[in-house]
Amino acid sequence: MHLVTRRLAVFAAAISLGSAALAQAWPAKPIKAIVPFAAGSATDQIGRAFAQKMSETLGQPIVVENRPGVNGMLGADAVAKAAPDGYTILIGTNSTNAALKSLMKQLPYNQDTAFAPLGYLGSVPLIVAVNNDVPAKNLKEFVDLAKAKPTGVTFASASTSQLVSSEMLASMAGIQMTNVPYKSGPAAMTDLIGGQVMMFSADFAVMLPQVKGGKVRGLAVTSTKRSPAIPELPTVNEALGLKDYELIAYFAMFAPAGTPPEAVARLNQAINAAASSKDIQDKFAGIGFAVEPGTPEALAQRSRTETAKWAKAIKDAKIEPQ
């Protein structure tokens, strides 16, 4: 009996050593991070910078792959269906992990249950800008222009934030504009500069250099406070005398649901180390990027709150699910 007990004890020790070795062994190979938007987009720039920093912490390279399409749905779907082993992660946004559920009649995955939250990266406001030839020097004049020409005013959109921020603005200002959809932010930006569209509301990464360079005219920021990156631009609320207009784009990392807790914990630790690093903060300060390290649980809670917030914004903006 004593021998059996001893053998069982040895066996139990071997199992616990095995699982400790497994925990130690992760990550044992490169990790793939899917960016569900085009190269050069804010998601891509921020995702790549975080991936590089995180690979230093984890001791394995993180290979970034762009899979743009359908407001981020294609990339998110690829991660939702990937093996839950911690080796495939999503650089998610408010599009993929809050708004898509309300924008699409049907998603190929369940947005609420398909992902394991890893950690929040940060947020950026958007800038509302017009082509230089549009005869509006401020947002109030632009709204008056749209009131004078119902549906004659066009705006570009290549992501959920860009679409919803513009439709919400139209709804709250009591105007109608015509949406011109694009596959990527940079393509929409080219057409705004060229005058093919009149207005575009996009994140600082895409918009700020063009505003600062005088290629387009910035009218307002979509956050509730002015941005230190361009303090001369008023908020939409200030410009139009509103009080509840706010729309920011945010970035967070997710893994497929069922990813082992030890991999989630290591990834969260690497995300927070990257968010807290001076390199990342300095690199993106110019695009109004505000970091906010936190736990996977805090991201899960945020995802629930944001999903409800975006559902309301999309409904109020009268955007029909596609």
C-alpha atoms as a PDB file:
ATOM      1  CA  MET A   1       0.000   0.000   0.000  1.00  0.00           C
ATOM      2  CA  HIS A   2       2.823   2.312   0.987  1.00  0.00           C
ATOM      3  CA  LEU A   3       4.464   1.703  -2.403  1.00  0.00           C
ATOM      4  CA  VAL A   4       1.230   2.530  -4.294  1.00  0.00           C
ATOM      5  CA  THR A   5       0.822   5.750  -2.300  1.00  0.00           C
ATOM      6  CA  ARG A   6       4.411   6.660  -3.031  1.00  0.00           C
ATOM      7  CA  ARG A   7       3.962   5.917  -6.736  1.00  0.00           C
ATOM      8  CA  LEU A   8       0.814   8.059  -6.805  1.00  0.00           C
ATOM      9  CA  ALA A   9       2.706  10.886  -5.117  1.00  0.00           C
ATOM     10  CA  VAL A  10       5.515  10.602  -7.689  1.00  0.00           C
ATOM     11  CA  PHE A  11       2.927  10.521 -10.483  1.00  0.00           C
ATOM     12  CA  ALA A  12       1.130  13.607  -9.088  1.00  0.00           C
ATOM     13  CA  ALA A  13       4.458  15.438  -8.793  1.00  0.00           C
ATOM     14  CA  ALA A  14       5.282  14.537 -12.390  1.00  0.00           C
ATOM     15  CA  ILE A  15       1.913  15.902 -13.562  1.00  0.00           C
ATOM     16  CA  SER A  16       2.358  19.161 -11.661  1.00  0.00           C
ATOM     17  CA  LEU A  17       5.901  19.483 -12.973  1.00  0.00           C
ATOM     18  CA  GLY A  18       4.554  18.838 -16.465  1.00  0.00           C
ATOM     19  CA  SER A  19       1.962  21.615 -16.183  1.00  0.00           C
ATOM     20  CA  ALA A  20       4.569  23.947 -14.654  1.00  0.00           C
ATOM     21  CA  ALA A  21       6.838  23.155 -17.589  1.00  0.00           C
ATOM     22  CA  LEU A  22       3.937  23.842 -19.948  1.00  0.00           C
ATOM     23  CA  ALA A  23       3.309  27.211 -18.283  1.00  0.00           C
ATOM     24  CA  GLN A  24       7.026  27.958 -18.458  1.00  0.00           C
ATOM     25  CA  ALA A  25       7.204  26.796 -22.057  1.00  0.00           C
ATOM     26  CA  TRP A  26       4.580  29.273 -23.345  1.00  0.00           C
ATOM     27  CA  PRO A  27       5.370  30.970 -25.676  1.00  0.00           C
ATOM     28  CA  ALA A  28       7.556  28.333 -27.328  1.00  0.00           C
ATOM     29  CA  LYS A  29       7.169  29.734 -30.866  1.00  0.00           C
ATOM     30  CA  PRO A  30       6.303  33.011 -32.635  1.00  0.00           C
ATOM     31  CA  ILE A  31       2.850  34.513 -32.042  1.00  0.00           C
ATOM     32  CA  LYS A  32       0.654  35.803 -34.873  1.00  0.00           C
ATOM     33  CA  ALA A  33      -1.170  39.108 -34.336  1.00  0.00           C
ATOM     34  CA  ILE A  34      -3.944  39.843 -36.818  1.00  0.00           C
ATOM     35  CA  VAL A  35      -4.671  43.511 -37.572  1.00  0.00           C
ATOM     36  CA  PRO A  36      -8.177  43.600 -39.088  1.00  0.00           C
ATOM     37  CA  PHE A  37      -7.500  46.891 -40.925  1.00  0.00           C
ATOM     38  CA  ALA A  38      -5.175  48.065 -43.704  1.00  0.00           C
ATOM     39  CA  ALA A  39      -1.443  48.725 -43.350  1.00  0.00           C
ATOM     40  CA  GLY A  40      -0.861  52.348 -42.363  1.00  0.00           C
ATOM     41  CA  SER A  41      -4.130  52.637 -40.403  1.00  0.00           C
ATOM     42  CA  ALA A  42      -4.001  53.706 -36.740  1.00  0.00           C
ATOM     43  CA  THR A  43      -4.804  50.116 -35.685  1.00  0.00           C
ATOM     44  CA  ASP A  44      -1.855  48.909 -37.755  1.00  0.00           C
ATOM     45  CA  GLN A  45       0.605  51.521 -36.423  1.00  0.00           C
ATOM     46  CA  ILE A  46      -0.388  51.010 -32.779  1.00  0.00           C
ATOM     47  CA  GLY A  47      -0.675  47.214 -33.127  1.00  0.00           C
ATOM     48  CA  ARG A  48       2.815  46.909 -34.630  1.00  0.00           C
ATOM     49  CA  ALA A  49       4.422  49.103 -31.955  1.00  0.00           C
ATOM     50  CA  PHE A  50       2.778  47.058 -29.170  1.00  0.00           C
ATOM     51  CA  ALA A  51       3.694  43.756 -30.875  1.00  0.00           C
ATOM     52  CA  GLN A  52       7.357  44.763 -31.039  1.00  0.00           C
ATOM     53  CA  LYS A  53       7.469  45.793 -27.359  1.00  0.00           C
ATOM     54  CA  MET A  54       5.547  42.705 -26.251  1.00  0.00           C
ATOM     55  CA  SER A  55       7.922  40.366 -28.117  1.00  0.00           C
ATOM     56  CA  GLU A  56      10.782  41.792 -26.008  1.00  0.00           C
ATOM     57  CA  THR A  57       8.858  40.839 -22.826  1.00  0.00           C
ATOM     58  CA  LEU A  58       7.742  37.414 -24.080  1.00  0.00           C
ATOM     59  CA  GLY A  59      11.016  36.412 -25.737  1.00  0.00           C
ATOM     60  CA  GLN A  60       9.289  35.375 -28.979  1.00  0.00           C
ATOM     61  CA  PRO A  61       8.598  37.406 -32.113  1.00  0.00           C
ATOM     62  CA  ILE A  62       5.036  38.605 -32.716  1.00  0.00           C
ATOM     63  CA  VAL A  63       4.353  38.529 -36.450  1.00  0.00           C
ATOM     64  CA  VAL A  64       1.742  41.061 -37.578  1.00  0.00           C
ATOM     65  CA  GLU A  65      -0.600  40.127 -40.428  1.00  0.00           C
ATOM     66  CA  ASN A  66      -3.082  42.585 -41.996  1.00  0.00           C
ATOM     67  CA  ARG A  67      -6.487  41.143 -42.890  1.00  0.00           C
ATOM     68  CA  PRO A  68      -8.667  44.141 -43.728  1.00  0.00           C
ATOM     69  CA  GLY A  69     -12.302  43.994 -44.821  1.00  0.00           C
ATOM     70  CA  VAL A  70     -15.924  44.489 -43.694  1.00  0.00           C
ATOM     71  CA  ASN A  71     -15.139  46.974 -40.887  1.00  0.00           C
ATOM     72  CA  GLY A  72     -12.645  44.544 -39.347  1.00  0.00           C
ATOM     73  CA  MET A  73     -14.960  41.522 -39.455  1.00  0.00           C
ATOM     74  CA  LEU A  74     -12.712  39.359 -41.686  1.00  0.00           C
ATOM     75  CA  GLY A  75      -9.700  39.628 -39.376  1.00  0.00           C
ATOM     76  CA  ALA A  76     -11.809  39.178 -36.227  1.00  0.00           C
ATOM     77  CA  ASP A  77     -13.450  36.082 -37.717  1.00  0.00           C
ATOM     78  CA  ALA A  78     -10.022  34.537 -38.479  1.00  0.00           C
ATOM     79  CA  VAL A  79      -9.020  34.947 -34.808  1.00  0.00           C
ATOM     80  CA  ALA A  80     -12.403  33.740 -33.493  1.00  0.00           C
ATOM     81  CA  LYS A  81     -11.893  30.496 -35.437  1.00  0.00           C
ATOM     82  CA  ALA A  82      -8.154  30.060 -34.649  1.00  0.00           C
ATOM     83  CA  ALA A  83      -6.832  27.423 -32.200  1.00  0.00           C
ATOM     84  CA  PRO A  84      -7.168  28.778 -28.624  1.00  0.00           C
ATOM     85  CA  ASP A  85      -3.511  28.181 -27.758  1.00  0.00           C
ATOM     86  CA  GLY A  86      -2.318  31.774 -27.255  1.00  0.00           C
ATOM     87  CA  TYR A  87      -0.451  31.831 -30.592  1.00  0.00           C
ATOM     88  CA  THR A  88      -3.065  33.851 -32.513  1.00  0.00           C
ATOM     89  CA  ILE A  89      -4.237  37.211 -31.181  1.00  0.00           C
ATOM     90  CA  LEU A  90      -6.414  40.030 -32.480  1.00  0.00           C
ATOM     91  CA  ILE A  91      -5.541  43.723 -32.410  1.00  0.00           C
ATOM     92  CA  GLY A  92      -9.199  44.596 -31.853  1.00  0.00           C
ATOM     93  CA  THR A  93     -11.004  47.922 -31.868  1.00  0.00           C
ATOM     94  CA  ASN A  94     -14.403  49.412 -31.083  1.00  0.00           C
ATOM     95  CA  SER A  95     -15.365  48.227 -34.620  1.00  0.00           C
ATOM     96  CA  THR A  96     -14.578  44.548 -34.122  1.00  0.00           C
ATOM     97  CA  ASN A  97     -15.450  44.187 -30.439  1.00  0.00           C
ATOM     98  CA  ALA A  98     -18.306  46.615 -29.808  1.00  0.00           C
ATOM     99  CA  ALA A  99     -19.991  48.030 -32.919  1.00  0.00           C
ATOM    100  CA  LEU A 100     -20.038  45.204 -35.483  1.00  0.00           C
ATOM    101  CA  LYS A 101     -22.810  43.371 -33.664  1.00  0.00           C
ATOM    102  CA  SER A 102     -25.136  46.338 -34.324  1.00  0.00           C
ATOM    103  CA  LEU A 103     -23.841  47.084 -37.832  1.00  0.00           C
ATOM    104  CA  MET A 104     -24.266  43.604 -39.284  1.00  0.00           C
ATOM    105  CA  LYS A 105     -27.446  41.536 -39.498  1.00  0.00           C
ATOM    106  CA  GLN A 106     -25.341  38.455 -38.946  1.00  0.00           C
ATOM    107  CA  LEU A 107     -21.755  37.862 -37.836  1.00  0.00           C
ATOM    108  CA  PRO A 108     -19.900  34.610 -38.607  1.00  0.00           C
ATOM    109  CA  TYR A 109     -19.019  34.396 -34.861  1.00  0.00           C
ATOM    110  CA  ASN A 110     -20.651  35.419 -31.578  1.00  0.00           C
ATOM    111  CA  GLN A 111     -19.022  38.757 -30.708  1.00  0.00           C
ATOM    112  CA  ASP A 112     -19.862  38.394 -26.994  1.00  0.00           C
ATOM    113  CA  THR A 113     -18.430  34.911 -26.482  1.00  0.00           C
ATOM    114  CA  ALA A 114     -15.876  34.258 -29.268  1.00  0.00           C
ATOM    115  CA  PHE A 115     -12.964  36.093 -27.619  1.00  0.00           C
ATOM    116  CA  ALA A 116     -10.893  35.997 -24.447  1.00  0.00           C
ATOM    117  CA  PRO A 117     -10.047  39.612 -23.495  1.00  0.00           C
ATOM    118  CA  LEU A 118      -6.278  40.127 -23.038  1.00  0.00           C
ATOM    119  CA  GLY A 119      -5.813  43.832 -22.331  1.00  0.00           C
ATOM    120  CA  TYR A 120      -6.709  47.400 -23.293  1.00  0.00           C
ATOM    121  CA  LEU A 121      -4.147  49.370 -25.296  1.00  0.00           C
ATOM    122  CA  GLY A 122      -5.605  52.895 -25.404  1.00  0.00           C
ATOM    123  CA  SER A 123      -7.812  55.320 -27.312  1.00  0.00           C
ATOM    124  CA  VAL A 124      -7.655  58.175 -29.827  1.00  0.00           C
ATOM    125  CA  PRO A 125     -10.196  60.839 -30.747  1.00  0.00           C
ATOM    126  CA  LEU A 126     -11.110  61.604 -34.364  1.00  0.00           C
ATOM    127  CA  ILE A 127     -10.795  64.897 -36.259  1.00  0.00           C
ATOM    128  CA  VAL A 128     -13.684  66.144 -38.400  1.00  0.00           C
ATOM    129  CA  ALA A 129     -12.111  67.739 -41.507  1.00  0.00           C
ATOM    130  CA  VAL A 130     -13.221  69.080 -44.870  1.00  0.00           C
ATOM    131  CA  ASN A 131     -11.624  69.512 -48.281  1.00  0.00           C
ATOM    132  CA  ASN A 132      -9.906  72.920 -48.554  1.00  0.00           C
ATOM    133  CA  ASP A 133     -12.342  74.088 -51.270  1.00  0.00           C
ATOM    134  CA  VAL A 134     -15.427  73.534 -49.084  1.00  0.00           C
ATOM    135  CA  PRO A 135     -16.662  77.047 -48.211  1.00  0.00           C
ATOM    136  CA  ALA A 136     -16.971  76.355 -44.463  1.00  0.00           C
ATOM    137  CA  LYS A 137     -14.344  77.739 -42.097  1.00  0.00           C
ATOM    138  CA  ASN A 138     -15.785  76.021 -38.999  1.00  0.00           C
ATOM    139  CA  LEU A 139     -18.176  73.213 -38.063  1.00  0.00           C
ATOM    140  CA  LYS A 140     -21.151  75.550 -37.577  1.00  0.00           C
ATOM    141  CA  GLU A 141     -20.716  76.864 -41.158  1.00  0.00           C
ATOM    142  CA  PHE A 142     -20.416  73.288 -42.431  1.00  0.00           C
ATOM    143  CA  VAL A 143     -23.703  72.343 -40.732  1.00  0.00           C
ATOM    144  CA  ASP A 144     -25.374  75.429 -42.271  1.00  0.00           C
ATOM    145  CA  LEU A 145     -24.034  74.366 -45.681  1.00  0.00           C
ATOM    146  CA  ALA A 146     -25.526  70.882 -45.230  1.00  0.00           C
ATOM    147  CA  LYS A 147     -28.861  72.369 -44.129  1.00  0.00           C
ATOM    148  CA  ALA A 148     -28.924  74.485 -47.306  1.00  0.00           C
ATOM    149  CA  LYS A 149     -28.189  71.433 -49.494  1.00  0.00           C
ATOM    150  CA  PRO A 150     -29.831  68.348 -47.933  1.00  0.00           C
ATOM    151  CA  THR A 151     -27.936  65.159 -48.990  1.00  0.00           C
ATOM    152  CA  GLY A 152     -25.712  67.328 -51.240  1.00  0.00           C
ATOM    153  CA  VAL A 153     -22.878  67.113 -48.710  1.00  0.00           C
ATOM    154  CA  THR A 154     -20.747  63.941 -48.982  1.00  0.00           C
ATOM    155  CA  PHE A 155     -18.593  62.270 -46.345  1.00  0.00           C
ATOM    156  CA  ALA A 156     -16.102  59.393 -46.521  1.00  0.00           C
ATOM    157  CA  SER A 157     -15.968  56.412 -44.158  1.00  0.00           C
ATOM    158  CA  ALA A 158     -13.699  53.353 -44.045  1.00  0.00           C
ATOM    159  CA  SER A 159     -14.374  52.120 -40.502  1.00  0.00           C
ATOM    160  CA  THR A 160     -17.158  51.934 -37.965  1.00  0.00           C
ATOM    161  CA  SER A 161     -15.874  54.922 -35.981  1.00  0.00           C
ATOM    162  CA  GLN A 162     -15.672  57.033 -39.119  1.00  0.00           C
ATOM    163  CA  LEU A 163     -19.190  56.076 -40.211  1.00  0.00           C
ATOM    164  CA  VAL A 164     -20.879  56.322 -36.822  1.00  0.00           C
ATOM    165  CA  SER A 165     -19.110  59.547 -35.789  1.00  0.00           C
ATOM    166  CA  SER A 166     -20.344  61.258 -38.983  1.00  0.00           C
ATOM    167  CA  GLU A 167     -23.885  59.848 -38.849  1.00  0.00           C
ATOM    168  CA  MET A 168     -24.139  60.721 -35.147  1.00  0.00           C
ATOM    169  CA  LEU A 169     -22.972  64.257 -35.926  1.00  0.00           C
ATOM    170  CA  ALA A 170     -25.576  64.548 -38.704  1.00  0.00           C
ATOM    171  CA  SER A 171     -28.303  63.195 -36.433  1.00  0.00           C
ATOM    172  CA  MET A 172     -27.432  65.526 -33.508  1.00  0.00           C
ATOM    173  CA  ALA A 173     -26.995  68.581 -35.784  1.00  0.00           C
ATOM    174  CA  GLY A 174     -30.237  67.846 -37.667  1.00  0.00           C
ATOM    175  CA  ILE A 175     -28.644  67.461 -41.122  1.00  0.00           C
ATOM    176  CA  GLN A 176     -28.504  64.769 -43.811  1.00  0.00           C
ATOM    177  CA  MET A 177     -25.274  63.826 -45.551  1.00  0.00           C
ATOM    178  CA  THR A 178     -24.431  61.172 -48.149  1.00  0.00           C
ATOM    179  CA  ASN A 179     -21.970  58.460 -47.110  1.00  0.00           C
ATOM    180  CA  VAL A 180     -19.256  57.370 -49.572  1.00  0.00           C
ATOM    181  CA  PRO A 181     -17.753  54.093 -48.245  1.00  0.00           C
ATOM    182  CA  TYR A 182     -14.040  53.256 -48.703  1.00  0.00           C
ATOM    183  CA  LYS A 183     -11.955  50.124 -48.107  1.00  0.00           C
ATOM    184  CA  SER A 184      -9.243  51.984 -46.156  1.00  0.00           C
ATOM    185  CA  GLY A 185      -8.664  55.243 -44.284  1.00  0.00           C
ATOM    186  CA  PRO A 186      -5.656  56.234 -46.431  1.00  0.00           C
ATOM    187  CA  ALA A 187      -7.769  55.821 -49.640  1.00  0.00           C
ATOM    188  CA  ALA A 188     -10.551  57.984 -48.162  1.00  0.00           C
ATOM    189  CA  MET A 189      -7.937  60.564 -47.147  1.00  0.00           C
ATOM    190  CA  THR A 190      -6.611  60.743 -50.726  1.00  0.00           C
ATOM    191  CA  ASP A 191     -10.120  61.469 -52.015  1.00  0.00           C
ATOM    192  CA  LEU A 192     -10.768  64.097 -49.329  1.00  0.00           C
ATOM    193  CA  ILE A 193      -7.576  65.934 -50.356  1.00  0.00           C
ATOM    194  CA  GLY A 194      -8.553  65.556 -54.035  1.00  0.00           C
ATOM    195  CA  GLY A 195     -12.076  66.873 -53.450  1.00  0.00           C
ATOM    196  CA  GLN A 196     -13.967  63.686 -54.446  1.00  0.00           C
ATOM    197  CA  VAL A 197     -15.635  63.866 -51.010  1.00  0.00           C
ATOM    198  CA  MET A 198     -16.317  66.955 -48.873  1.00  0.00           C
ATOM    199  CA  MET A 199     -15.903  65.714 -45.310  1.00  0.00           C
ATOM    200  CA  PHE A 200     -14.068  62.911 -43.488  1.00  0.00           C
ATOM    201  CA  SER A 201     -13.952  62.160 -39.787  1.00  0.00           C
ATOM    202  CA  ALA A 202     -10.875  60.019 -39.008  1.00  0.00           C
ATOM    203  CA  ASP A 203      -8.403  59.204 -36.250  1.00  0.00           C
ATOM    204  CA  PHE A 204      -5.425  61.468 -35.602  1.00  0.00           C
ATOM    205  CA  ALA A 205      -2.962  58.984 -37.164  1.00  0.00           C
ATOM    206  CA  VAL A 206      -4.553  59.442 -40.595  1.00  0.00           C
ATOM    207  CA  MET A 207      -5.843  63.007 -40.236  1.00  0.00           C
ATOM    208  CA  LEU A 208      -3.483  65.098 -38.095  1.00  0.00           C
ATOM    209  CA  PRO A 209      -0.483  65.194 -40.504  1.00  0.00           C
ATOM    210  CA  GLN A 210      -2.806  66.348 -43.320  1.00  0.00           C
ATOM    211  CA  VAL A 211      -4.429  69.059 -41.164  1.00  0.00           C
ATOM    212  CA  LYS A 212      -1.030  70.266 -39.901  1.00  0.00           C
ATOM    213  CA  GLY A 213       0.314  70.195 -43.471  1.00  0.00           C
ATOM    214  CA  GLY A 214      -2.581  72.352 -44.708  1.00  0.00           C
ATOM    215  CA  LYS A 215      -3.816  69.637 -47.106  1.00  0.00           C
ATOM    216  CA  VAL A 216      -7.291  69.642 -45.490  1.00  0.00           C
ATOM    217  CA  ARG A 217      -9.119  71.895 -43.009  1.00  0.00           C
ATOM    218  CA  GLY A 218      -9.703  70.522 -39.508  1.00  0.00           C
ATOM    219  CA  LEU A 219     -13.007  71.642 -37.956  1.00  0.00           C
ATOM    220  CA  ALA A 220     -13.333  69.806 -34.623  1.00  0.00           C
ATOM    221  CA  VAL A 221     -12.279  66.840 -32.445  1.00  0.00           C
ATOM    222  CA  THR A 222     -14.753  64.138 -31.399  1.00  0.00           C
ATOM    223  CA  SER A 223     -13.635  63.811 -27.762  1.00  0.00           C
ATOM    224  CA  THR A 224     -15.220  65.693 -24.830  1.00  0.00           C
ATOM    225  CA  LYS A 225     -11.987  67.634 -24.193  1.00  0.00           C
ATOM    226  CA  ARG A 226      -9.681  69.410 -26.649  1.00  0.00           C
ATOM    227  CA  SER A 227      -6.576  67.415 -27.577  1.00  0.00           C
ATOM    228  CA  PRO A 228      -3.098  68.585 -26.500  1.00  0.00           C
ATOM    229  CA  ALA A 229      -1.925  67.406 -29.950  1.00  0.00           C
ATOM    230  CA  ILE A 230      -3.993  70.140 -31.694  1.00  0.00           C
ATOM    231  CA  PRO A 231      -5.380  72.444 -28.972  1.00  0.00           C
ATOM    232  CA  GLU A 232      -6.670  75.051 -31.438  1.00  0.00           C
ATOM    233  CA  LEU A 233      -9.450  72.714 -32.662  1.00  0.00           C
ATOM    234  CA  PRO A 234     -12.677  72.913 -30.618  1.00  0.00           C
ATOM    235  CA  THR A 235     -14.643  69.820 -29.618  1.00  0.00           C
ATOM    236  CA  VAL A 236     -17.815  69.069 -31.610  1.00  0.00           C
ATOM    237  CA  ASN A 237     -19.780  69.992 -28.471  1.00  0.00           C
ATOM    238  CA  GLU A 238     -18.097  73.412 -28.248  1.00  0.00           C
ATOM    239  CA  ALA A 239     -18.411  74.086 -31.978  1.00  0.00           C
ATOM    240  CA  LEU A 240     -22.125  73.292 -32.140  1.00  0.00           C
ATOM    241  CA  GLY A 241     -23.288  74.024 -28.596  1.00  0.00           C
ATOM    242  CA  LEU A 242     -24.075  70.335 -27.941  1.00  0.00           C
ATOM    243  CA  LYS A 243     -23.316  68.485 -24.727  1.00  0.00           C
ATOM    244  CA  ASP A 244     -23.433  64.736 -25.360  1.00  0.00           C
ATOM    245  CA  TYR A 245     -21.384  64.270 -28.505  1.00  0.00           C
ATOM    246  CA  GLU A 246     -18.399  61.983 -27.956  1.00  0.00           C
ATOM    247  CA  LEU A 247     -16.887  59.308 -30.139  1.00  0.00           C
ATOM    248  CA  ILE A 248     -13.417  57.901 -29.668  1.00  0.00           C
ATOM    249  CA  ALA A 249     -11.697  54.961 -31.331  1.00  0.00           C
ATOM    250  CA  TYR A 250     -10.045  52.472 -28.997  1.00  0.00           C
ATOM    251  CA  PHE A 251      -7.692  49.531 -29.358  1.00  0.00           C
ATOM    252  CA  ALA A 252      -7.466  46.299 -27.346  1.00  0.00           C
ATOM    253  CA  MET A 253      -6.111  42.774 -27.707  1.00  0.00           C
ATOM    254  CA  PHE A 254      -8.150  39.584 -27.709  1.00  0.00           C
ATOM    255  CA  ALA A 255      -7.458  35.868 -28.157  1.00  0.00           C
ATOM    256  CA  PRO A 256      -9.869  33.088 -29.156  1.00  0.00           C
ATOM    257  CA  ALA A 257     -12.175  32.035 -26.287  1.00  0.00           C
ATOM    258  CA  GLY A 258     -10.719  29.079 -24.360  1.00  0.00           C
ATOM    259  CA  THR A 259      -7.095  30.311 -24.524  1.00  0.00           C
ATOM    260  CA  PRO A 260      -5.215  28.894 -21.461  1.00  0.00           C
ATOM    261  CA  PRO A 261      -5.264  31.246 -18.424  1.00  0.00           C
ATOM    262  CA  GLU A 262      -1.452  31.235 -18.182  1.00  0.00           C
ATOM    263  CA  ALA A 263      -1.129  32.485 -21.783  1.00  0.00           C
ATOM    264  CA  VAL A 264      -3.781  35.169 -21.096  1.00  0.00           C
ATOM    265  CA  ALA A 265      -1.901  36.267 -17.958  1.00  0.00           C
ATOM    266  CA  ARG A 266       1.475  36.449 -19.759  1.00  0.00           C
ATOM    267  CA  LEU A 267      -0.024  38.367 -22.704  1.00  0.00           C
ATOM    268  CA  ASN A 268      -1.771  40.800 -20.356  1.00  0.00           C
ATOM    269  CA  GLN A 269       1.487  41.418 -18.500  1.00  0.00           C
ATOM    270  CA  ALA A 270       3.292  42.053 -21.824  1.00  0.00           C
ATOM    271  CA  ILE A 271       0.517  44.433 -23.013  1.00  0.00           C
ATOM    272  CA  ASN A 272       0.650  46.459 -19.796  1.00  0.00           C
ATOM    273  CA  ALA A 273       4.457  46.630 -19.879  1.00  0.00           C
ATOM    274  CA  ALA A 274       4.229  47.984 -23.455  1.00  0.00           C
ATOM    275  CA  ALA A 275       1.475  50.479 -22.542  1.00  0.00           C
ATOM    276  CA  SER A 276       3.543  51.747 -19.608  1.00  0.00           C
ATOM    277  CA  SER A 277       6.719  52.154 -21.681  1.00  0.00           C
ATOM    278  CA  LYS A 278       7.877  55.699 -22.403  1.00  0.00           C
ATOM    279  CA  ASP A 279       8.729  54.688 -26.022  1.00  0.00           C
ATOM    280  CA  ILE A 280       5.112  53.877 -26.872  1.00  0.00           C
ATOM    281  CA  GLN A 281       3.698  56.877 -25.029  1.00  0.00           C
ATOM    282  CA  ASP A 282       6.135  59.267 -26.743  1.00  0.00           C
ATOM    283  CA  LYS A 283       5.691  57.639 -30.163  1.00  0.00           C
ATOM    284  CA  PHE A 284       1.909  58.143 -30.167  1.00  0.00           C
ATOM    285  CA  ALA A 285       1.455  61.291 -28.049  1.00  0.00           C
ATOM    286  CA  GLY A 286       1.247  63.262 -31.298  1.00  0.00           C
ATOM    287  CA  ILE A 287      -1.837  61.337 -32.432  1.00  0.00           C
ATOM    288  CA  GLY A 288      -3.708  61.966 -29.177  1.00  0.00           C
ATOM    289  CA  PHE A 289      -3.235  58.340 -28.045  1.00  0.00           C
ATOM    290  CA  ALA A 290      -4.048  57.856 -24.352  1.00  0.00           C
ATOM    291  CA  VAL A 291      -2.867  54.547 -22.808  1.00  0.00           C
ATOM    292  CA  GLU A 292      -4.737  52.847 -19.996  1.00  0.00           C
ATOM    293  CA  PRO A 293      -3.178  49.602 -18.680  1.00  0.00           C
ATOM    294  CA  GLY A 294      -5.590  47.201 -16.978  1.00  0.00           C
ATOM    295  CA  THR A 295      -6.697  43.607 -16.370  1.00  0.00           C
ATOM    296  CA  PRO A 296      -8.462  41.215 -18.797  1.00  0.00           C
ATOM    297  CA  GLU A 297     -11.538  41.537 -16.516  1.00  0.00           C
ATOM    298  CA  ALA A 298     -11.521  45.331 -16.911  1.00  0.00           C
ATOM    299  CA  LEU A 299     -11.461  44.879 -20.707  1.00  0.00           C
ATOM    300  CA  ALA A 300     -14.341  42.373 -20.533  1.00  0.00           C
ATOM    301  CA  GLN A 301     -16.377  44.944 -18.584  1.00  0.00           C
ATOM    302  CA  ARG A 302     -15.426  47.720 -21.026  1.00  0.00           C
ATOM    303  CA  SER A 303     -16.449  45.543 -23.991  1.00  0.00           C
ATOM    304  CA  ARG A 304     -19.919  45.068 -22.470  1.00  0.00           C
ATOM    305  CA  THR A 305     -20.343  48.809 -21.773  1.00  0.00           C
ATOM    306  CA  GLU A 306     -19.013  49.865 -25.189  1.00  0.00           C
ATOM    307  CA  THR A 307     -21.182  47.310 -27.048  1.00  0.00           C
ATOM    308  CA  ALA A 308     -24.274  48.879 -25.427  1.00  0.00           C
ATOM    309  CA  LYS A 309     -22.995  52.431 -26.109  1.00  0.00           C
ATOM    310  CA  TRP A 310     -22.311  51.722 -29.797  1.00  0.00           C
ATOM    311  CA  ALA A 311     -25.656  49.953 -30.220  1.00  0.00           C
ATOM    312  CA  LYS A 312     -27.360  53.143 -29.022  1.00  0.00           C
ATOM    313  CA  ALA A 313     -25.176  55.422 -31.202  1.00  0.00           C
ATOM    314  CA  ILE A 314     -25.846  53.289 -34.305  1.00  0.00           C
ATOM    315  CA  LYS A 315     -29.598  53.245 -33.599  1.00  0.00           C
ATOM    316  CA  ASP A 316     -29.694  57.008 -32.934  1.00  0.00           C
ATOM    317  CA  ALA A 317     -27.763  57.631 -36.162  1.00  0.00           C
ATOM    318  CA  LYS A 318     -30.373  55.521 -38.001  1.00  0.00           C
ATOM    319  CA  ILE A 319     -27.754  53.217 -39.533  1.00  0.00           C
ATOM    320  CA  GLU A 320     -29.445  50.050 -40.840  1.00  0.00           C
ATOM    321  CA  PRO A 321     -27.621  46.737 -40.216  1.00  0.00           C
ATOM    322  CA  GLN A 322     -26.096  45.417 -43.464  1.00  0.00           C
END
